[in-house]
Amino acid sequence: MSFDDNALFRRPQVTEMRDPAEEDPREARAAEFGLNYVGLEGDIGCIINGAGLAMATMDNIKYCGGEPANFLDVGGGASPERVAAAFNLVLTDQNVKCILVNIFAGINRCDWVAQGVVQAAKDLRVPLVVRLAGTNVEEGQKIIRECGLPIITADSLMEACEKSVKLARGEQVT
């Protein structure tokens, strides 16, 4: 049995029964940063904003023959620090062979997300695919393009998923 964390304030007696030792430590760590995280069994780490986009991205990864390693929703206020925290969280999973960042910025700004991506990617040990769309997309793409890091970009969700699956398999992409 589980309880909706968003409604626990209504039921203090349920909150008192909480045992953090029974929880996935990655999910507890994600909650500290306001991230929604669920660990899965795959090898493509996902950093996405919005639950619907996250589900669509995971579906497309599977459609392309891959397996998502997690569900991670950075939410609507993805500051550079929050994006960097998301990377650190995803990389705690030793099965991750590639990371896919898929951001559709409405509330978010692509330039903020790009700053966080660049900050986190400096010490990255796996390939990284980034797809940005929405508010300040040109600025975000410019930050990614000019950072000097081996970040692979994609213009569409399907292209991002196809590249991620290939990279997780050890194949080259252009």
C-alpha atoms as a PDB file:
ATOM      1  CA  MET A   1       0.000   0.000   0.000  1.00  0.00           C
ATOM      2  CA  SER A   2       1.195   3.514  -0.671  1.00  0.00           C
ATOM      3  CA  PHE A   3      -0.094   6.984   0.044  1.00  0.00           C
ATOM      4  CA  ASP A   4      -0.067  10.096  -2.092  1.00  0.00           C
ATOM      5  CA  ASP A   5       2.686  12.296  -0.647  1.00  0.00           C
ATOM      6  CA  ASN A   6       0.779  15.370  -1.776  1.00  0.00           C
ATOM      7  CA  ALA A   7      -2.115  14.533   0.566  1.00  0.00           C
ATOM      8  CA  LEU A   8      -0.214  13.480   3.682  1.00  0.00           C
ATOM      9  CA  PHE A   9      -0.815  16.826   5.351  1.00  0.00           C
ATOM     10  CA  ARG A  10      -4.453  15.704   5.710  1.00  0.00           C
ATOM     11  CA  ARG A  11      -3.535  12.521   7.567  1.00  0.00           C
ATOM     12  CA  PRO A  12      -0.854  13.085  10.237  1.00  0.00           C
ATOM     13  CA  GLN A  13      -1.481   9.596  11.648  1.00  0.00           C
ATOM     14  CA  VAL A  14      -0.326   8.129   8.319  1.00  0.00           C
ATOM     15  CA  THR A  15       2.748  10.384   8.266  1.00  0.00           C
ATOM     16  CA  GLU A  16       3.711   9.079  11.716  1.00  0.00           C
ATOM     17  CA  MET A  17       3.873   5.528  10.297  1.00  0.00           C
ATOM     18  CA  ARG A  18       6.396   6.507   7.623  1.00  0.00           C
ATOM     19  CA  ASP A  19       9.601   4.452   7.704  1.00  0.00           C
ATOM     20  CA  PRO A  20      12.291   6.003   5.471  1.00  0.00           C
ATOM     21  CA  ALA A  21      14.239   2.715   5.581  1.00  0.00           C
ATOM     22  CA  GLU A  22      11.459   1.180   3.492  1.00  0.00           C
ATOM     23  CA  GLU A  23      11.795   3.789   0.730  1.00  0.00           C
ATOM     24  CA  ASP A  24      14.087   3.846  -2.288  1.00  0.00           C
ATOM     25  CA  PRO A  25      16.938   6.157  -1.188  1.00  0.00           C
ATOM     26  CA  ARG A  26      17.040   7.700  -4.667  1.00  0.00           C
ATOM     27  CA  GLU A  27      13.398   8.728  -4.374  1.00  0.00           C
ATOM     28  CA  ALA A  28      14.033  10.255  -0.945  1.00  0.00           C
ATOM     29  CA  ARG A  29      17.081  12.140  -2.284  1.00  0.00           C
ATOM     30  CA  ALA A  30      15.037  13.393  -5.265  1.00  0.00           C
ATOM     31  CA  ALA A  31      12.347  14.728  -2.937  1.00  0.00           C
ATOM     32  CA  GLU A  32      14.983  16.884  -1.190  1.00  0.00           C
ATOM     33  CA  PHE A  33      15.460  18.745  -4.488  1.00  0.00           C
ATOM     34  CA  GLY A  34      11.775  18.852  -5.433  1.00  0.00           C
ATOM     35  CA  LEU A  35      12.285  16.214  -8.140  1.00  0.00           C
ATOM     36  CA  ASN A  36       9.896  13.364  -8.938  1.00  0.00           C
ATOM     37  CA  TYR A  37      11.932  10.170  -9.400  1.00  0.00           C
ATOM     38  CA  VAL A  38      11.092   6.511  -9.865  1.00  0.00           C
ATOM     39  CA  GLY A  39      13.861   3.995 -10.512  1.00  0.00           C
ATOM     40  CA  LEU A  40      13.316   1.483 -13.316  1.00  0.00           C
ATOM     41  CA  GLU A  41      15.342  -1.396 -14.779  1.00  0.00           C
ATOM     42  CA  GLY A  42      16.693   0.087 -18.039  1.00  0.00           C
ATOM     43  CA  ASP A  43      19.919   1.757 -19.138  1.00  0.00           C
ATOM     44  CA  ILE A  44      18.806   5.161 -20.498  1.00  0.00           C
ATOM     45  CA  GLY A  45      18.662   7.802 -17.784  1.00  0.00           C
ATOM     46  CA  CYS A  46      15.840  10.296 -18.321  1.00  0.00           C
ATOM     47  CA  ILE A  47      15.773  13.931 -17.199  1.00  0.00           C
ATOM     48  CA  ILE A  48      12.525  15.486 -18.382  1.00  0.00           C
ATOM     49  CA  ASN A  49      10.110  18.219 -17.339  1.00  0.00           C
ATOM     50  CA  GLY A  50       6.488  17.278 -16.948  1.00  0.00           C
ATOM     51  CA  ALA A  51       4.999  13.893 -16.176  1.00  0.00           C
ATOM     52  CA  GLY A  52       3.200  13.640 -19.519  1.00  0.00           C
ATOM     53  CA  LEU A  53       6.353  14.412 -21.496  1.00  0.00           C
ATOM     54  CA  ALA A  54       8.271  11.962 -19.323  1.00  0.00           C
ATOM     55  CA  MET A  55       5.764   9.202 -20.088  1.00  0.00           C
ATOM     56  CA  ALA A  56       5.809  10.010 -23.818  1.00  0.00           C
ATOM     57  CA  THR A  57       9.607   9.989 -23.791  1.00  0.00           C
ATOM     58  CA  MET A  58       9.764   6.628 -22.025  1.00  0.00           C
ATOM     59  CA  ASP A  59       7.210   5.202 -24.477  1.00  0.00           C
ATOM     60  CA  ASN A  60       9.321   6.425 -27.405  1.00  0.00           C
ATOM     61  CA  ILE A  61      12.503   4.979 -25.894  1.00  0.00           C
ATOM     62  CA  LYS A  62      10.755   1.606 -25.725  1.00  0.00           C
ATOM     63  CA  TYR A  63       9.379   2.055 -29.251  1.00  0.00           C
ATOM     64  CA  CYS A  64      12.955   2.561 -30.461  1.00  0.00           C
ATOM     65  CA  GLY A  65      14.059  -0.642 -28.736  1.00  0.00           C
ATOM     66  CA  GLY A  66      15.521   0.793 -25.534  1.00  0.00           C
ATOM     67  CA  GLU A  67      14.678   0.710 -21.848  1.00  0.00           C
ATOM     68  CA  PRO A  68      14.370   3.755 -19.582  1.00  0.00           C
ATOM     69  CA  ALA A  69      16.377   3.568 -16.344  1.00  0.00           C
ATOM     70  CA  ASN A  70      14.115   5.968 -14.498  1.00  0.00           C
ATOM     71  CA  PHE A  71      11.259   8.399 -14.516  1.00  0.00           C
ATOM     72  CA  LEU A  72      12.588  11.823 -13.479  1.00  0.00           C
ATOM     73  CA  ASP A  73      10.470  14.955 -13.734  1.00  0.00           C
ATOM     74  CA  VAL A  74      12.431  18.124 -12.932  1.00  0.00           C
ATOM     75  CA  GLY A  75       9.191  20.090 -12.850  1.00  0.00           C
ATOM     76  CA  GLY A  76       8.394  23.605 -13.931  1.00  0.00           C
ATOM     77  CA  GLY A  77      11.123  25.540 -12.136  1.00  0.00           C
ATOM     78  CA  ALA A  78      14.229  23.710 -13.294  1.00  0.00           C
ATOM     79  CA  SER A  79      17.074  25.966 -12.202  1.00  0.00           C
ATOM     80  CA  PRO A  80      20.634  25.081 -13.230  1.00  0.00           C
ATOM     81  CA  GLU A  81      21.215  23.713  -9.710  1.00  0.00           C
ATOM     82  CA  ARG A  82      18.134  21.519  -9.874  1.00  0.00           C
ATOM     83  CA  VAL A  83      19.164  20.138 -13.273  1.00  0.00           C
ATOM     84  CA  ALA A  84      22.642  19.372 -11.910  1.00  0.00           C
ATOM     85  CA  ALA A  85      21.026  17.572  -8.939  1.00  0.00           C
ATOM     86  CA  ALA A  86      18.953  15.523 -11.406  1.00  0.00           C
ATOM     87  CA  PHE A  87      22.122  14.435 -13.214  1.00  0.00           C
ATOM     88  CA  ASN A  88      23.760  13.394  -9.960  1.00  0.00           C
ATOM     89  CA  LEU A  89      20.692  11.388  -9.037  1.00  0.00           C
ATOM     90  CA  VAL A  90      20.478   9.609 -12.410  1.00  0.00           C
ATOM     91  CA  LEU A  91      24.178   8.758 -12.264  1.00  0.00           C
ATOM     92  CA  THR A  92      23.763   6.909  -8.959  1.00  0.00           C
ATOM     93  CA  ASP A  93      22.325   4.094 -11.104  1.00  0.00           C
ATOM     94  CA  GLN A  94      25.296   2.076 -12.354  1.00  0.00           C
ATOM     95  CA  ASN A  95      23.172   0.604 -15.177  1.00  0.00           C
ATOM     96  CA  VAL A  96      22.852   3.985 -16.942  1.00  0.00           C
ATOM     97  CA  LYS A  97      24.741   3.925 -20.252  1.00  0.00           C
ATOM     98  CA  CYS A  98      23.301   7.138 -21.722  1.00  0.00           C
ATOM     99  CA  ILE A  99      21.346  10.143 -20.444  1.00  0.00           C
ATOM    100  CA  LEU A 100      18.504  11.763 -22.355  1.00  0.00           C
ATOM    101  CA  VAL A 101      17.445  15.298 -21.402  1.00  0.00           C
ATOM    102  CA  ASN A 102      14.105  16.236 -22.960  1.00  0.00           C
ATOM    103  CA  ILE A 103      12.794  19.678 -22.029  1.00  0.00           C
ATOM    104  CA  PHE A 104       9.761  21.473 -23.354  1.00  0.00           C
ATOM    105  CA  ALA A 105      10.039  24.854 -21.675  1.00  0.00           C
ATOM    106  CA  GLY A 106       6.931  26.798 -20.916  1.00  0.00           C
ATOM    107  CA  ILE A 107       7.476  27.755 -17.293  1.00  0.00           C
ATOM    108  CA  ASN A 108      11.080  26.590 -17.574  1.00  0.00           C
ATOM    109  CA  ARG A 109      13.585  28.415 -19.717  1.00  0.00           C
ATOM    110  CA  CYS A 110      15.809  26.462 -22.088  1.00  0.00           C
ATOM    111  CA  ASP A 111      18.788  28.699 -21.309  1.00  0.00           C
ATOM    112  CA  TRP A 112      18.529  27.874 -17.573  1.00  0.00           C
ATOM    113  CA  VAL A 113      18.241  24.185 -18.317  1.00  0.00           C
ATOM    114  CA  ALA A 114      21.176  24.371 -20.742  1.00  0.00           C
ATOM    115  CA  GLN A 115      23.314  26.034 -18.059  1.00  0.00           C
ATOM    116  CA  GLY A 116      22.507  23.178 -15.677  1.00  0.00           C
ATOM    117  CA  VAL A 117      23.223  20.593 -18.364  1.00  0.00           C
ATOM    118  CA  VAL A 118      26.628  22.117 -19.120  1.00  0.00           C
ATOM    119  CA  GLN A 119      27.442  22.378 -15.416  1.00  0.00           C
ATOM    120  CA  ALA A 120      26.558  18.718 -14.836  1.00  0.00           C
ATOM    121  CA  ALA A 121      28.086  17.376 -18.065  1.00  0.00           C
ATOM    122  CA  LYS A 122      31.632  18.503 -17.283  1.00  0.00           C
ATOM    123  CA  ASP A 123      32.408  15.266 -15.429  1.00  0.00           C
ATOM    124  CA  LEU A 124      29.977  12.988 -17.246  1.00  0.00           C
ATOM    125  CA  ARG A 125      31.000   9.347 -17.801  1.00  0.00           C
ATOM    126  CA  VAL A 126      28.211   8.437 -20.243  1.00  0.00           C
ATOM    127  CA  PRO A 127      26.960   9.898 -23.544  1.00  0.00           C
ATOM    128  CA  LEU A 128      24.407  12.696 -23.299  1.00  0.00           C
ATOM    129  CA  VAL A 129      21.565  13.555 -25.700  1.00  0.00           C
ATOM    130  CA  VAL A 130      19.715  16.853 -25.235  1.00  0.00           C
ATOM    131  CA  ARG A 131      16.486  17.992 -26.860  1.00  0.00           C
ATOM    132  CA  LEU A 132      15.254  21.467 -26.004  1.00  0.00           C
ATOM    133  CA  ALA A 133      12.045  23.172 -27.157  1.00  0.00           C
ATOM    134  CA  GLY A 134      10.079  26.189 -25.990  1.00  0.00           C
ATOM    135  CA  THR A 135      10.972  29.367 -24.102  1.00  0.00           C
ATOM    136  CA  ASN A 136      14.452  30.717 -24.937  1.00  0.00           C
ATOM    137  CA  VAL A 137      15.250  27.649 -27.031  1.00  0.00           C
ATOM    138  CA  GLU A 138      17.713  29.511 -29.265  1.00  0.00           C
ATOM    139  CA  GLU A 139      19.694  30.714 -26.255  1.00  0.00           C
ATOM    140  CA  GLY A 140      19.670  27.228 -24.738  1.00  0.00           C
ATOM    141  CA  GLN A 141      20.803  25.575 -27.948  1.00  0.00           C
ATOM    142  CA  LYS A 142      23.594  28.154 -28.293  1.00  0.00           C
ATOM    143  CA  ILE A 143      24.843  27.401 -24.757  1.00  0.00           C
ATOM    144  CA  ILE A 144      24.912  23.665 -25.560  1.00  0.00           C
ATOM    145  CA  ARG A 145      26.530  24.194 -28.969  1.00  0.00           C
ATOM    146  CA  GLU A 146      29.267  26.499 -27.687  1.00  0.00           C
ATOM    147  CA  CYS A 147      30.149  24.734 -24.428  1.00  0.00           C
ATOM    148  CA  GLY A 148      32.877  22.575 -25.965  1.00  0.00           C
ATOM    149  CA  LEU A 149      31.512  19.355 -24.454  1.00  0.00           C
ATOM    150  CA  PRO A 150      30.531  16.257 -26.451  1.00  0.00           C
ATOM    151  CA  ILE A 151      26.793  16.795 -26.012  1.00  0.00           C
ATOM    152  CA  ILE A 152      24.624  15.301 -28.755  1.00  0.00           C
ATOM    153  CA  THR A 153      21.591  17.371 -29.705  1.00  0.00           C
ATOM    154  CA  ALA A 154      18.289  16.400 -31.261  1.00  0.00           C
ATOM    155  CA  ASP A 155      15.523  18.484 -32.812  1.00  0.00           C
ATOM    156  CA  SER A 156      12.633  16.099 -32.096  1.00  0.00           C
ATOM    157  CA  LEU A 157      11.582  13.645 -29.428  1.00  0.00           C
ATOM    158  CA  MET A 158      11.887  10.692 -31.807  1.00  0.00           C
ATOM    159  CA  GLU A 159      15.375  11.725 -32.929  1.00  0.00           C
ATOM    160  CA  ALA A 160      16.457  12.097 -29.289  1.00  0.00           C
ATOM    161  CA  CYS A 161      15.127   8.636 -28.411  1.00  0.00           C
ATOM    162  CA  GLU A 162      16.696   6.981 -31.465  1.00  0.00           C
ATOM    163  CA  LYS A 163      20.097   8.520 -30.668  1.00  0.00           C
ATOM    164  CA  SER A 164      19.837   7.559 -26.992  1.00  0.00           C
ATOM    165  CA  VAL A 165      19.035   3.938 -27.781  1.00  0.00           C
ATOM    166  CA  LYS A 166      21.970   3.693 -30.212  1.00  0.00           C
ATOM    167  CA  LEU A 167      24.365   5.249 -27.714  1.00  0.00           C
ATOM    168  CA  ALA A 168      23.186   2.926 -24.921  1.00  0.00           C
ATOM    169  CA  ARG A 169      23.998   0.018 -27.251  1.00  0.00           C
ATOM    170  CA  GLY A 170      27.479   1.429 -27.841  1.00  0.00           C
ATOM    171  CA  GLU A 171      26.764   2.543 -31.397  1.00  0.00           C
ATOM    172  CA  GLN A 172      27.957   5.836 -32.868  1.00  0.00           C
ATOM    173  CA  VAL A 173      25.575   8.654 -33.811  1.00  0.00           C
ATOM    174  CA  THR A 174      26.069  11.801 -35.832  1.00  0.00           C
END
